[in-house]
Amino acid sequence: MDFGLTEDQKLFKRTFADFSDEVVAPGAAERDENEEFDLECWRQMAELGLGGLIVPEEYGGTAAGAVVYAMAVEEISRNCASMGVTLSAHTSLCTWPILHLANEEQKQRWLPRLASGESLGALGLTEPSAGSDVGATAMTAVRDGDDYILNGTKIFITNGYYADIYVILVRTGGKDEKHGNSSYFVVEKGTPGFTFGKKEKKLGIRSSATYELVF
C-alpha cells in the first residue's frame, strides 16, 4: 500500500506553502507581539478555499479531505501558529460538528457560509467551573415557547469576538446524567443576549483571538 501523497495532494501542499510564505508570514511576528488578530489574512485564506476543505461540494466546499486539511494547517502554522489555530478551530470545532450533527436545513443554512469563509466559526465549550469537562457543563438552555434561553459563560474561546457562528455546548436537563442531558446549540453573533467578555492575554499564539462569551 502506498502511503505517499497523491499528485493532487502534492499540488495542494505547494499551494499552501507558497501562500503561507507570501501572505501569512509578512507581519506575523508583529501581529503576535501586538496581540492583533488579522482578519484580512483570514479573508485571503478564505479566498483560497481554506474554510471549506472538509465540506462537501454540495454545500460550497471542496471536499479535499482530512489529509489536505491537515497540510493546510501545517503550512499556515509554519509561519504563524495563530492563523493555524484560527483555521483549525473554524474547521474542526465549528464546521465539523455542523457537518456531522446538524439536520439538512441547518447544514444548508450554515455550511455554505463557513465553507466560503464569509463566516468564521468557533466552539464554546470551556467554562470557569468545569474547564473542558463536557460532563460538568454548567451553562443551561431552557425552553421558552418556541425559543431557548441560554444562560452561562464560556471562557478561552478561540476565534471569539471575530467569529460569526458559534457551536455552544449547554445542559438541557438536570445534572443526574453526566452526559445525557448535554446539547449543542448554534448561536450567531448579534443574537440578543449574547455578548463578549474579556480578551485573554496569553504567553503565546497571541494574535489568535481568545475571548470570554457571555449569555
N, C-alpha and C. Protein backbone atom coordinates (compact mmCIF):
# COMPACT_ATOMS: atom_id res chain seq x y z
N MET A 1 0.85 -1.20 0.00
CA MET A 1 0.00 0.00 0.00
C MET A 1 0.88 1.25 0.00
N ASP A 2 0.54 2.19 -0.85
CA ASP A 2 1.32 3.42 -0.98
C ASP A 2 0.73 4.50 -0.07
N PHE A 3 1.53 4.92 0.92
CA PHE A 3 1.07 5.95 1.84
C PHE A 3 1.58 7.34 1.46
N GLY A 4 2.20 7.44 0.30
CA GLY A 4 2.69 8.73 -0.16
C GLY A 4 1.56 9.63 -0.61
N LEU A 5 1.87 10.92 -0.75
CA LEU A 5 0.87 11.87 -1.21
C LEU A 5 0.56 11.66 -2.68
N THR A 6 -0.69 11.87 -3.05
CA THR A 6 -1.07 11.83 -4.45
C THR A 6 -0.55 13.10 -5.14
N GLU A 7 -0.60 13.12 -6.45
CA GLU A 7 -0.15 14.31 -7.17
C GLU A 7 -1.02 15.52 -6.82
N ASP A 8 -2.31 15.30 -6.67
CA ASP A 8 -3.20 16.41 -6.29
C ASP A 8 -2.84 16.93 -4.90
N GLN A 9 -2.56 16.02 -3.98
CA GLN A 9 -2.20 16.44 -2.62
C GLN A 9 -0.88 17.20 -2.61
N LYS A 10 0.06 16.78 -3.43
CA LYS A 10 1.34 17.50 -3.53
C LYS A 10 1.12 18.91 -4.05
N LEU A 11 0.20 19.05 -5.01
CA LEU A 11 -0.11 20.37 -5.55
C LEU A 11 -0.74 21.25 -4.48
N PHE A 12 -1.67 20.67 -3.71
CA PHE A 12 -2.27 21.42 -2.60
C PHE A 12 -1.19 21.90 -1.64
N LYS A 13 -0.28 21.00 -1.29
CA LYS A 13 0.76 21.34 -0.31
C LYS A 13 1.65 22.48 -0.81
N ARG A 14 2.04 22.44 -2.09
CA ARG A 14 2.85 23.52 -2.65
C ARG A 14 2.09 24.84 -2.65
N THR A 15 0.80 24.76 -2.98
CA THR A 15 -0.03 25.97 -2.99
C THR A 15 -0.13 26.57 -1.59
N PHE A 16 -0.37 25.72 -0.60
CA PHE A 16 -0.47 26.21 0.78
C PHE A 16 0.86 26.79 1.26
N ALA A 17 1.96 26.12 0.90
CA ALA A 17 3.28 26.59 1.33
C ALA A 17 3.60 27.96 0.73
N ASP A 18 3.32 28.12 -0.56
CA ASP A 18 3.57 29.41 -1.22
C ASP A 18 2.71 30.50 -0.61
N PHE A 19 1.45 30.19 -0.38
CA PHE A 19 0.53 31.17 0.22
C PHE A 19 1.02 31.57 1.61
N SER A 20 1.43 30.60 2.39
CA SER A 20 1.90 30.88 3.74
C SER A 20 3.12 31.80 3.72
N ASP A 21 4.05 31.53 2.82
CA ASP A 21 5.26 32.35 2.73
C ASP A 21 4.96 33.76 2.24
N GLU A 22 4.03 33.87 1.29
CA GLU A 22 3.79 35.16 0.64
C GLU A 22 2.77 36.02 1.38
N VAL A 23 1.79 35.39 2.03
CA VAL A 23 0.69 36.15 2.63
C VAL A 23 0.70 36.10 4.16
N VAL A 24 0.94 34.92 4.72
CA VAL A 24 0.83 34.75 6.17
C VAL A 24 2.07 35.24 6.90
N ALA A 25 3.24 34.93 6.36
CA ALA A 25 4.49 35.24 7.05
C ALA A 25 4.74 36.74 7.27
N PRO A 26 4.51 37.58 6.25
CA PRO A 26 4.79 39.01 6.46
C PRO A 26 3.97 39.60 7.61
N GLY A 27 4.66 40.16 8.58
CA GLY A 27 3.97 40.79 9.71
C GLY A 27 3.54 39.86 10.82
N ALA A 28 3.82 38.55 10.68
CA ALA A 28 3.35 37.60 11.69
C ALA A 28 3.94 37.90 13.06
N ALA A 29 5.23 38.20 13.11
CA ALA A 29 5.88 38.47 14.40
C ALA A 29 5.30 39.73 15.05
N GLU A 30 5.05 40.75 14.23
CA GLU A 30 4.48 41.99 14.77
C GLU A 30 3.05 41.78 15.28
N ARG A 31 2.27 41.00 14.55
CA ARG A 31 0.91 40.72 15.00
C ARG A 31 0.92 39.98 16.33
N ASP A 32 1.84 39.04 16.46
CA ASP A 32 1.94 38.30 17.71
C ASP A 32 2.35 39.22 18.86
N GLU A 33 3.32 40.07 18.59
CA GLU A 33 3.80 41.00 19.62
C GLU A 33 2.69 41.94 20.08
N ASN A 34 1.87 42.38 19.13
CA ASN A 34 0.82 43.36 19.43
C ASN A 34 -0.53 42.71 19.76
N GLU A 35 -0.58 41.39 19.73
CA GLU A 35 -1.82 40.65 20.02
C GLU A 35 -2.95 41.07 19.09
N GLU A 36 -2.65 41.16 17.80
CA GLU A 36 -3.61 41.63 16.80
C GLU A 36 -4.09 40.47 15.93
N PHE A 37 -5.39 40.23 15.94
CA PHE A 37 -5.96 39.23 15.03
C PHE A 37 -6.04 39.83 13.64
N ASP A 38 -5.58 39.06 12.64
CA ASP A 38 -5.51 39.57 11.27
C ASP A 38 -6.72 39.08 10.47
N LEU A 39 -7.78 39.86 10.49
CA LEU A 39 -9.00 39.49 9.78
C LEU A 39 -8.78 39.47 8.28
N GLU A 40 -7.94 40.37 7.78
CA GLU A 40 -7.66 40.41 6.35
C GLU A 40 -6.93 39.15 5.90
N CYS A 41 -6.02 38.65 6.72
CA CYS A 41 -5.34 37.40 6.40
C CYS A 41 -6.34 36.25 6.34
N TRP A 42 -7.28 36.22 7.28
CA TRP A 42 -8.32 35.18 7.24
C TRP A 42 -9.12 35.28 5.95
N ARG A 43 -9.45 36.49 5.54
CA ARG A 43 -10.24 36.66 4.31
C ARG A 43 -9.48 36.12 3.10
N GLN A 44 -8.18 36.33 3.08
CA GLN A 44 -7.38 35.81 1.97
C GLN A 44 -7.28 34.28 2.04
N MET A 45 -7.20 33.74 3.25
CA MET A 45 -7.24 32.28 3.41
C MET A 45 -8.57 31.73 2.89
N ALA A 46 -9.64 32.45 3.18
CA ALA A 46 -10.96 32.02 2.72
C ALA A 46 -11.06 32.06 1.20
N GLU A 47 -10.48 33.10 0.59
CA GLU A 47 -10.50 33.20 -0.87
C GLU A 47 -9.76 32.03 -1.52
N LEU A 48 -8.77 31.50 -0.82
CA LEU A 48 -8.03 30.34 -1.32
C LEU A 48 -8.82 29.05 -1.14
N GLY A 49 -9.90 29.11 -0.38
CA GLY A 49 -10.74 27.94 -0.18
C GLY A 49 -10.46 27.17 1.10
N LEU A 50 -9.65 27.75 1.99
CA LEU A 50 -9.25 27.00 3.19
C LEU A 50 -10.40 26.78 4.16
N GLY A 51 -11.43 27.60 4.08
CA GLY A 51 -12.54 27.45 5.01
C GLY A 51 -13.42 26.24 4.75
N GLY A 52 -13.32 25.66 3.55
CA GLY A 52 -14.23 24.58 3.20
C GLY A 52 -13.56 23.30 2.76
N LEU A 53 -12.37 23.02 3.25
CA LEU A 53 -11.61 21.86 2.78
C LEU A 53 -12.28 20.53 3.12
N ILE A 54 -13.03 20.49 4.24
CA ILE A 54 -13.69 19.23 4.62
C ILE A 54 -15.17 19.23 4.27
N VAL A 55 -15.64 20.30 3.65
CA VAL A 55 -17.07 20.45 3.37
C VAL A 55 -17.39 19.90 1.98
N PRO A 56 -18.44 19.09 1.85
CA PRO A 56 -18.83 18.57 0.53
C PRO A 56 -19.16 19.69 -0.46
N GLU A 57 -18.98 19.39 -1.73
CA GLU A 57 -19.21 20.40 -2.76
C GLU A 57 -20.65 20.90 -2.77
N GLU A 58 -21.59 20.06 -2.38
CA GLU A 58 -23.00 20.47 -2.40
C GLU A 58 -23.28 21.61 -1.42
N TYR A 59 -22.38 21.81 -0.45
CA TYR A 59 -22.54 22.91 0.49
C TYR A 59 -21.51 24.01 0.26
N GLY A 60 -20.86 23.97 -0.89
CA GLY A 60 -19.93 25.03 -1.24
C GLY A 60 -18.48 24.78 -0.91
N GLY A 61 -18.17 23.58 -0.40
CA GLY A 61 -16.79 23.26 -0.07
C GLY A 61 -16.06 22.60 -1.23
N THR A 62 -14.84 22.15 -0.96
CA THR A 62 -14.04 21.48 -1.99
C THR A 62 -13.92 19.98 -1.75
N ALA A 63 -14.36 19.51 -0.57
CA ALA A 63 -14.27 18.09 -0.23
C ALA A 63 -12.86 17.55 -0.46
N ALA A 64 -11.86 18.35 -0.12
CA ALA A 64 -10.47 17.96 -0.36
C ALA A 64 -10.02 16.87 0.61
N GLY A 65 -10.66 16.76 1.75
CA GLY A 65 -10.36 15.67 2.67
C GLY A 65 -9.46 16.05 3.83
N ALA A 66 -9.35 15.11 4.77
CA ALA A 66 -8.63 15.35 6.02
C ALA A 66 -7.14 15.56 5.81
N VAL A 67 -6.54 14.83 4.88
CA VAL A 67 -5.09 14.96 4.66
C VAL A 67 -4.76 16.35 4.14
N VAL A 68 -5.53 16.82 3.18
CA VAL A 68 -5.29 18.16 2.63
C VAL A 68 -5.54 19.22 3.69
N TYR A 69 -6.58 19.04 4.48
CA TYR A 69 -6.86 19.98 5.57
C TYR A 69 -5.69 20.02 6.56
N ALA A 70 -5.16 18.85 6.93
CA ALA A 70 -4.03 18.79 7.86
C ALA A 70 -2.81 19.50 7.28
N MET A 71 -2.59 19.34 5.98
CA MET A 71 -1.45 20.02 5.34
C MET A 71 -1.65 21.53 5.35
N ALA A 72 -2.88 21.97 5.19
CA ALA A 72 -3.16 23.41 5.21
C ALA A 72 -2.83 23.99 6.58
N VAL A 73 -3.29 23.32 7.64
CA VAL A 73 -2.99 23.80 9.00
C VAL A 73 -1.48 23.79 9.24
N GLU A 74 -0.82 22.75 8.78
CA GLU A 74 0.63 22.63 8.96
C GLU A 74 1.38 23.77 8.27
N GLU A 75 1.03 24.04 7.03
CA GLU A 75 1.76 25.06 6.27
C GLU A 75 1.45 26.47 6.78
N ILE A 76 0.21 26.74 7.15
CA ILE A 76 -0.12 28.05 7.71
C ILE A 76 0.60 28.24 9.05
N SER A 77 0.59 27.19 9.88
CA SER A 77 1.21 27.27 11.21
C SER A 77 2.72 27.40 11.13
N ARG A 78 3.31 26.94 10.04
CA ARG A 78 4.76 27.04 9.88
C ARG A 78 5.22 28.49 9.97
N ASN A 79 4.39 29.41 9.52
CA ASN A 79 4.74 30.83 9.58
C ASN A 79 3.98 31.60 10.64
N CYS A 80 2.81 31.10 11.04
CA CYS A 80 2.03 31.80 12.06
C CYS A 80 1.10 30.81 12.75
N ALA A 81 1.49 30.40 13.96
CA ALA A 81 0.68 29.44 14.70
C ALA A 81 -0.72 29.98 14.98
N SER A 82 -0.83 31.30 15.14
CA SER A 82 -2.13 31.90 15.44
C SER A 82 -3.12 31.70 14.31
N MET A 83 -2.68 31.90 13.07
CA MET A 83 -3.60 31.71 11.94
C MET A 83 -3.87 30.22 11.72
N GLY A 84 -2.91 29.37 12.08
CA GLY A 84 -3.16 27.93 12.01
C GLY A 84 -4.24 27.51 12.98
N VAL A 85 -4.19 28.06 14.20
CA VAL A 85 -5.22 27.78 15.20
C VAL A 85 -6.57 28.34 14.76
N THR A 86 -6.55 29.51 14.15
CA THR A 86 -7.79 30.09 13.64
C THR A 86 -8.47 29.14 12.66
N LEU A 87 -7.68 28.59 11.74
CA LEU A 87 -8.21 27.66 10.74
C LEU A 87 -8.70 26.37 11.38
N SER A 88 -7.92 25.82 12.31
CA SER A 88 -8.30 24.54 12.90
C SER A 88 -9.54 24.67 13.77
N ALA A 89 -9.68 25.78 14.51
CA ALA A 89 -10.88 25.98 15.32
C ALA A 89 -12.11 26.16 14.42
N HIS A 90 -11.96 26.93 13.37
CA HIS A 90 -13.04 27.13 12.41
C HIS A 90 -13.52 25.81 11.82
N THR A 91 -12.56 24.96 11.46
CA THR A 91 -12.89 23.72 10.74
C THR A 91 -13.27 22.58 11.67
N SER A 92 -12.39 22.27 12.61
CA SER A 92 -12.59 21.08 13.46
C SER A 92 -13.62 21.30 14.56
N LEU A 93 -13.69 22.52 15.08
CA LEU A 93 -14.53 22.76 16.25
C LEU A 93 -15.90 23.34 15.92
N CYS A 94 -16.05 23.93 14.74
CA CYS A 94 -17.35 24.50 14.36
C CYS A 94 -17.94 23.84 13.12
N THR A 95 -17.18 23.82 12.03
CA THR A 95 -17.70 23.27 10.79
C THR A 95 -17.98 21.77 10.91
N TRP A 96 -17.05 21.03 11.51
CA TRP A 96 -17.20 19.57 11.61
C TRP A 96 -18.47 19.17 12.38
N PRO A 97 -18.74 19.73 13.57
CA PRO A 97 -19.97 19.35 14.28
C PRO A 97 -21.24 19.65 13.48
N ILE A 98 -21.27 20.78 12.79
CA ILE A 98 -22.45 21.10 11.99
C ILE A 98 -22.59 20.13 10.83
N LEU A 99 -21.47 19.79 10.20
CA LEU A 99 -21.49 18.86 9.07
C LEU A 99 -22.02 17.49 9.49
N HIS A 100 -21.65 17.03 10.68
CA HIS A 100 -21.96 15.66 11.09
C HIS A 100 -23.16 15.54 12.03
N LEU A 101 -23.57 16.63 12.66
CA LEU A 101 -24.64 16.52 13.65
C LEU A 101 -25.91 17.30 13.29
N ALA A 102 -25.81 18.26 12.40
CA ALA A 102 -26.96 19.11 12.08
C ALA A 102 -27.91 18.42 11.12
N ASN A 103 -29.16 18.89 11.10
CA ASN A 103 -30.10 18.38 10.10
C ASN A 103 -29.87 19.11 8.77
N GLU A 104 -30.58 18.70 7.75
CA GLU A 104 -30.32 19.23 6.41
C GLU A 104 -30.58 20.73 6.32
N GLU A 105 -31.66 21.18 6.93
CA GLU A 105 -31.97 22.61 6.91
C GLU A 105 -30.85 23.43 7.55
N GLN A 106 -30.33 22.93 8.66
CA GLN A 106 -29.25 23.62 9.35
C GLN A 106 -27.96 23.61 8.53
N LYS A 107 -27.67 22.49 7.89
CA LYS A 107 -26.49 22.42 7.03
C LYS A 107 -26.58 23.44 5.90
N GLN A 108 -27.75 23.53 5.28
CA GLN A 108 -27.93 24.48 4.18
C GLN A 108 -27.80 25.92 4.67
N ARG A 109 -28.17 26.14 5.90
CA ARG A 109 -28.13 27.50 6.45
C ARG A 109 -26.71 27.96 6.77
N TRP A 110 -25.90 27.06 7.36
CA TRP A 110 -24.61 27.50 7.89
C TRP A 110 -23.38 27.02 7.12
N LEU A 111 -23.42 25.83 6.54
CA LEU A 111 -22.20 25.30 5.91
C LEU A 111 -21.70 26.14 4.74
N PRO A 112 -22.56 26.63 3.85
CA PRO A 112 -22.03 27.45 2.75
C PRO A 112 -21.29 28.69 3.24
N ARG A 113 -21.77 29.30 4.30
CA ARG A 113 -21.11 30.49 4.85
C ARG A 113 -19.76 30.14 5.47
N LEU A 114 -19.71 28.98 6.14
CA LEU A 114 -18.45 28.54 6.74
C LEU A 114 -17.46 28.09 5.67
N ALA A 115 -17.95 27.39 4.66
CA ALA A 115 -17.08 26.89 3.61
C ALA A 115 -16.45 28.02 2.81
N SER A 116 -17.22 29.06 2.55
CA SER A 116 -16.70 30.19 1.77
C SER A 116 -15.80 31.08 2.60
N GLY A 117 -15.89 30.93 3.93
CA GLY A 117 -15.13 31.82 4.81
C GLY A 117 -15.82 33.15 5.04
N GLU A 118 -17.01 33.31 4.45
CA GLU A 118 -17.80 34.52 4.71
C GLU A 118 -18.03 34.66 6.21
N SER A 119 -18.25 33.51 6.87
CA SER A 119 -18.42 33.48 8.31
C SER A 119 -17.31 32.65 8.94
N LEU A 120 -16.71 33.19 9.98
CA LEU A 120 -15.70 32.46 10.75
C LEU A 120 -16.43 31.70 11.86
N GLY A 121 -15.94 30.50 12.18
CA GLY A 121 -16.60 29.66 13.17
C GLY A 121 -15.81 29.50 14.45
N ALA A 122 -16.52 29.14 15.53
CA ALA A 122 -15.89 28.91 16.83
C ALA A 122 -16.73 27.91 17.62
N LEU A 123 -16.11 27.34 18.65
CA LEU A 123 -16.78 26.41 19.56
C LEU A 123 -16.75 26.98 20.97
N GLY A 124 -17.90 26.97 21.65
CA GLY A 124 -17.97 27.38 23.04
C GLY A 124 -18.11 26.17 23.94
N LEU A 125 -17.02 25.72 24.55
CA LEU A 125 -17.03 24.54 25.40
C LEU A 125 -16.55 24.85 26.82
N THR A 126 -15.36 25.42 26.95
CA THR A 126 -14.72 25.60 28.24
C THR A 126 -15.47 26.59 29.13
N GLU A 127 -15.57 26.25 30.42
CA GLU A 127 -16.29 27.09 31.38
C GLU A 127 -15.43 27.36 32.62
N PRO A 128 -15.74 28.43 33.35
CA PRO A 128 -14.93 28.77 34.54
C PRO A 128 -14.89 27.66 35.58
N SER A 129 -16.01 26.97 35.81
CA SER A 129 -16.06 25.97 36.88
C SER A 129 -15.87 24.54 36.38
N ALA A 130 -16.01 24.34 35.07
CA ALA A 130 -15.96 22.98 34.52
C ALA A 130 -14.72 22.71 33.69
N GLY A 131 -14.00 23.76 33.32
CA GLY A 131 -12.91 23.56 32.37
C GLY A 131 -13.48 23.04 31.06
N SER A 132 -12.83 22.03 30.50
CA SER A 132 -13.32 21.43 29.25
C SER A 132 -13.92 20.05 29.48
N ASP A 133 -14.36 19.80 30.72
CA ASP A 133 -15.04 18.55 31.06
C ASP A 133 -16.49 18.64 30.60
N VAL A 134 -16.80 17.97 29.50
CA VAL A 134 -18.14 18.06 28.91
C VAL A 134 -19.21 17.66 29.91
N GLY A 135 -18.94 16.64 30.70
CA GLY A 135 -19.93 16.15 31.65
C GLY A 135 -20.23 17.11 32.78
N ALA A 136 -19.34 18.08 33.00
CA ALA A 136 -19.53 19.03 34.10
C ALA A 136 -20.08 20.37 33.61
N THR A 137 -20.53 20.42 32.37
CA THR A 137 -21.06 21.67 31.80
C THR A 137 -22.15 22.26 32.68
N ALA A 138 -22.02 23.56 32.98
CA ALA A 138 -22.99 24.23 33.85
C ALA A 138 -23.93 25.14 33.06
N MET A 139 -23.51 25.62 31.91
CA MET A 139 -24.35 26.52 31.12
C MET A 139 -25.63 25.80 30.72
N THR A 140 -26.76 26.50 30.84
CA THR A 140 -28.05 25.87 30.60
C THR A 140 -28.78 26.47 29.40
N ALA A 141 -29.69 25.68 28.86
CA ALA A 141 -30.63 26.15 27.84
C ALA A 141 -32.02 25.69 28.26
N VAL A 142 -32.92 26.64 28.47
CA VAL A 142 -34.27 26.35 28.95
C VAL A 142 -35.27 26.80 27.90
N ARG A 143 -36.20 25.91 27.55
CA ARG A 143 -37.20 26.24 26.53
C ARG A 143 -38.12 27.36 27.01
N ASP A 144 -38.38 28.31 26.12
CA ASP A 144 -39.29 29.41 26.39
C ASP A 144 -40.17 29.59 25.16
N GLY A 145 -41.28 28.87 25.11
CA GLY A 145 -42.13 28.87 23.92
C GLY A 145 -41.42 28.18 22.78
N ASP A 146 -41.25 28.90 21.67
CA ASP A 146 -40.55 28.35 20.51
C ASP A 146 -39.05 28.58 20.58
N ASP A 147 -38.58 29.22 21.62
CA ASP A 147 -37.18 29.58 21.75
C ASP A 147 -36.53 28.85 22.92
N TYR A 148 -35.23 29.02 23.01
CA TYR A 148 -34.47 28.57 24.18
C TYR A 148 -33.72 29.76 24.75
N ILE A 149 -33.67 29.84 26.06
CA ILE A 149 -32.89 30.87 26.73
C ILE A 149 -31.60 30.24 27.24
N LEU A 150 -30.47 30.71 26.73
CA LEU A 150 -29.17 30.21 27.17
C LEU A 150 -28.65 31.10 28.29
N ASN A 151 -28.09 30.48 29.31
CA ASN A 151 -27.60 31.24 30.45
C ASN A 151 -26.28 30.64 30.94
N GLY A 152 -25.22 31.44 30.87
CA GLY A 152 -23.93 30.96 31.33
C GLY A 152 -22.78 31.69 30.66
N THR A 153 -21.58 31.21 30.93
CA THR A 153 -20.36 31.84 30.42
C THR A 153 -19.41 30.79 29.88
N LYS A 154 -18.79 31.09 28.76
CA LYS A 154 -17.73 30.26 28.20
C LYS A 154 -16.43 31.07 28.20
N ILE A 155 -15.31 30.40 28.44
CA ILE A 155 -14.03 31.10 28.51
C ILE A 155 -13.00 30.46 27.59
N PHE A 156 -11.94 31.22 27.31
CA PHE A 156 -10.82 30.76 26.47
C PHE A 156 -11.29 30.32 25.08
N ILE A 157 -12.19 31.07 24.47
CA ILE A 157 -12.79 30.65 23.21
C ILE A 157 -12.00 31.18 22.02
N THR A 158 -11.37 30.27 21.30
CA THR A 158 -10.60 30.62 20.11
C THR A 158 -11.53 31.15 19.02
N ASN A 159 -11.12 32.22 18.38
CA ASN A 159 -11.89 32.95 17.36
C ASN A 159 -13.03 33.76 17.96
N GLY A 160 -13.08 33.83 19.30
CA GLY A 160 -14.10 34.62 19.95
C GLY A 160 -14.08 36.07 19.48
N TYR A 161 -15.22 36.68 19.49
CA TYR A 161 -15.48 38.05 19.04
C TYR A 161 -15.49 38.16 17.52
N TYR A 162 -14.48 37.62 16.85
CA TYR A 162 -14.40 37.75 15.39
C TYR A 162 -15.26 36.71 14.67
N ALA A 163 -15.54 35.60 15.31
CA ALA A 163 -16.36 34.56 14.68
C ALA A 163 -17.80 35.03 14.55
N ASP A 164 -18.47 34.49 13.55
CA ASP A 164 -19.87 34.82 13.29
C ASP A 164 -20.82 33.71 13.71
N ILE A 165 -20.31 32.47 13.71
CA ILE A 165 -21.13 31.29 14.01
C ILE A 165 -20.45 30.52 15.14
N TYR A 166 -21.22 30.28 16.22
CA TYR A 166 -20.67 29.61 17.41
C TYR A 166 -21.46 28.34 17.70
N VAL A 167 -20.76 27.23 17.86
CA VAL A 167 -21.36 25.99 18.35
C VAL A 167 -21.17 25.98 19.86
N ILE A 168 -22.27 25.97 20.61
CA ILE A 168 -22.22 26.15 22.06
C ILE A 168 -22.74 24.90 22.77
N LEU A 169 -21.93 24.34 23.67
CA LEU A 169 -22.35 23.19 24.46
C LEU A 169 -23.09 23.67 25.70
N VAL A 170 -24.30 23.12 25.93
CA VAL A 170 -25.11 23.53 27.07
C VAL A 170 -25.74 22.29 27.72
N ARG A 171 -26.29 22.50 28.90
CA ARG A 171 -27.04 21.45 29.59
C ARG A 171 -28.53 21.74 29.41
N THR A 172 -29.25 20.77 28.86
CA THR A 172 -30.68 20.95 28.61
C THR A 172 -31.54 20.17 29.59
N GLY A 173 -30.92 19.53 30.56
CA GLY A 173 -31.65 18.80 31.59
C GLY A 173 -30.94 18.92 32.92
N GLY A 174 -31.31 18.05 33.86
CA GLY A 174 -30.68 18.07 35.18
C GLY A 174 -29.29 17.49 35.16
N LYS A 175 -28.64 17.50 36.31
CA LYS A 175 -27.27 17.01 36.42
C LYS A 175 -27.21 15.54 36.83
N ASP A 176 -28.38 14.87 36.84
CA ASP A 176 -28.39 13.46 37.24
C ASP A 176 -27.68 12.59 36.21
N GLU A 177 -27.73 13.00 34.93
CA GLU A 177 -26.98 12.31 33.89
C GLU A 177 -25.80 13.18 33.50
N LYS A 178 -24.60 12.63 33.61
CA LYS A 178 -23.41 13.45 33.37
C LYS A 178 -23.32 13.91 31.93
N HIS A 179 -23.67 13.04 30.98
CA HIS A 179 -23.53 13.39 29.57
C HIS A 179 -24.87 13.43 28.82
N GLY A 180 -25.86 12.70 29.29
CA GLY A 180 -27.09 12.53 28.53
C GLY A 180 -27.92 13.79 28.37
N ASN A 181 -27.70 14.78 29.21
CA ASN A 181 -28.50 16.00 29.15
C ASN A 181 -27.77 17.17 28.50
N SER A 182 -26.75 16.88 27.72
CA SER A 182 -25.98 17.93 27.05
C SER A 182 -26.41 18.05 25.59
N SER A 183 -26.41 19.27 25.09
CA SER A 183 -26.80 19.54 23.70
C SER A 183 -25.92 20.62 23.12
N TYR A 184 -25.83 20.62 21.79
CA TYR A 184 -25.15 21.71 21.09
C TYR A 184 -26.18 22.66 20.50
N PHE A 185 -25.95 23.94 20.67
CA PHE A 185 -26.76 24.97 20.02
C PHE A 185 -25.84 25.78 19.10
N VAL A 186 -26.36 26.21 17.98
CA VAL A 186 -25.62 27.12 17.11
C VAL A 186 -26.17 28.52 17.34
N VAL A 187 -25.29 29.42 17.73
CA VAL A 187 -25.68 30.80 18.04
C VAL A 187 -24.88 31.74 17.15
N GLU A 188 -25.57 32.65 16.50
CA GLU A 188 -24.88 33.60 15.63
C GLU A 188 -24.54 34.89 16.38
N LYS A 189 -23.44 35.47 16.00
CA LYS A 189 -23.04 36.76 16.55
C LYS A 189 -24.16 37.77 16.30
N GLY A 190 -24.46 38.57 17.30
CA GLY A 190 -25.54 39.54 17.18
C GLY A 190 -26.85 39.07 17.76
N THR A 191 -26.93 37.79 18.17
CA THR A 191 -28.14 37.28 18.81
C THR A 191 -28.38 38.04 20.12
N PRO A 192 -29.59 38.53 20.37
CA PRO A 192 -29.86 39.26 21.61
C PRO A 192 -29.47 38.46 22.85
N GLY A 193 -28.77 39.10 23.77
CA GLY A 193 -28.34 38.44 24.99
C GLY A 193 -26.98 37.78 24.91
N PHE A 194 -26.39 37.76 23.73
CA PHE A 194 -25.07 37.15 23.53
C PHE A 194 -24.04 38.26 23.39
N THR A 195 -23.12 38.33 24.36
CA THR A 195 -22.10 39.37 24.35
C THR A 195 -20.72 38.77 24.60
N PHE A 196 -19.71 39.61 24.55
CA PHE A 196 -18.33 39.17 24.74
C PHE A 196 -17.74 39.81 25.99
N GLY A 197 -17.04 38.98 26.77
CA GLY A 197 -16.36 39.47 27.95
C GLY A 197 -14.92 39.82 27.64
N LYS A 198 -14.04 39.48 28.55
CA LYS A 198 -12.65 39.92 28.42
C LYS A 198 -11.90 39.17 27.32
N LYS A 199 -10.94 39.86 26.76
CA LYS A 199 -9.98 39.25 25.84
C LYS A 199 -8.83 38.71 26.67
N GLU A 200 -8.45 37.45 26.43
CA GLU A 200 -7.39 36.83 27.21
C GLU A 200 -6.01 37.32 26.76
N LYS A 201 -5.14 37.55 27.73
CA LYS A 201 -3.74 37.85 27.45
C LYS A 201 -2.96 36.55 27.61
N LYS A 202 -2.17 36.19 26.60
CA LYS A 202 -1.54 34.88 26.56
C LYS A 202 -0.02 34.99 26.43
N LEU A 203 0.65 33.89 26.75
CA LEU A 203 2.10 33.84 26.62
C LEU A 203 2.53 33.52 25.20
N GLY A 204 1.67 32.88 24.44
CA GLY A 204 2.00 32.51 23.06
C GLY A 204 0.75 32.48 22.20
N ILE A 205 0.94 32.30 20.90
CA ILE A 205 -0.17 32.30 19.93
C ILE A 205 -1.04 33.53 20.20
N ARG A 206 -0.40 34.67 20.34
CA ARG A 206 -1.04 35.87 20.85
C ARG A 206 -1.92 36.60 19.84
N SER A 207 -1.72 36.35 18.55
CA SER A 207 -2.59 37.02 17.58
C SER A 207 -3.80 36.17 17.22
N SER A 208 -3.96 35.05 17.91
CA SER A 208 -5.22 34.30 17.84
C SER A 208 -6.18 34.92 18.85
N ALA A 209 -7.39 35.26 18.39
CA ALA A 209 -8.36 35.91 19.27
C ALA A 209 -8.93 34.90 20.26
N THR A 210 -8.81 35.19 21.55
CA THR A 210 -9.30 34.30 22.60
C THR A 210 -10.13 35.13 23.57
N TYR A 211 -11.44 34.87 23.60
CA TYR A 211 -12.37 35.72 24.35
C TYR A 211 -13.29 34.91 25.26
N GLU A 212 -13.90 35.62 26.17
CA GLU A 212 -14.97 35.10 27.01
C GLU A 212 -16.31 35.37 26.31
N LEU A 213 -17.21 34.38 26.34
CA LEU A 213 -18.55 34.53 25.78
C LEU A 213 -19.55 34.57 26.93
N VAL A 214 -20.46 35.52 26.89
CA VAL A 214 -21.42 35.70 27.98
C VAL A 214 -22.84 35.62 27.44
N PHE A 215 -23.66 34.78 28.07
CA PHE A 215 -25.06 34.60 27.66
C PHE A 215 -25.97 34.90 28.85
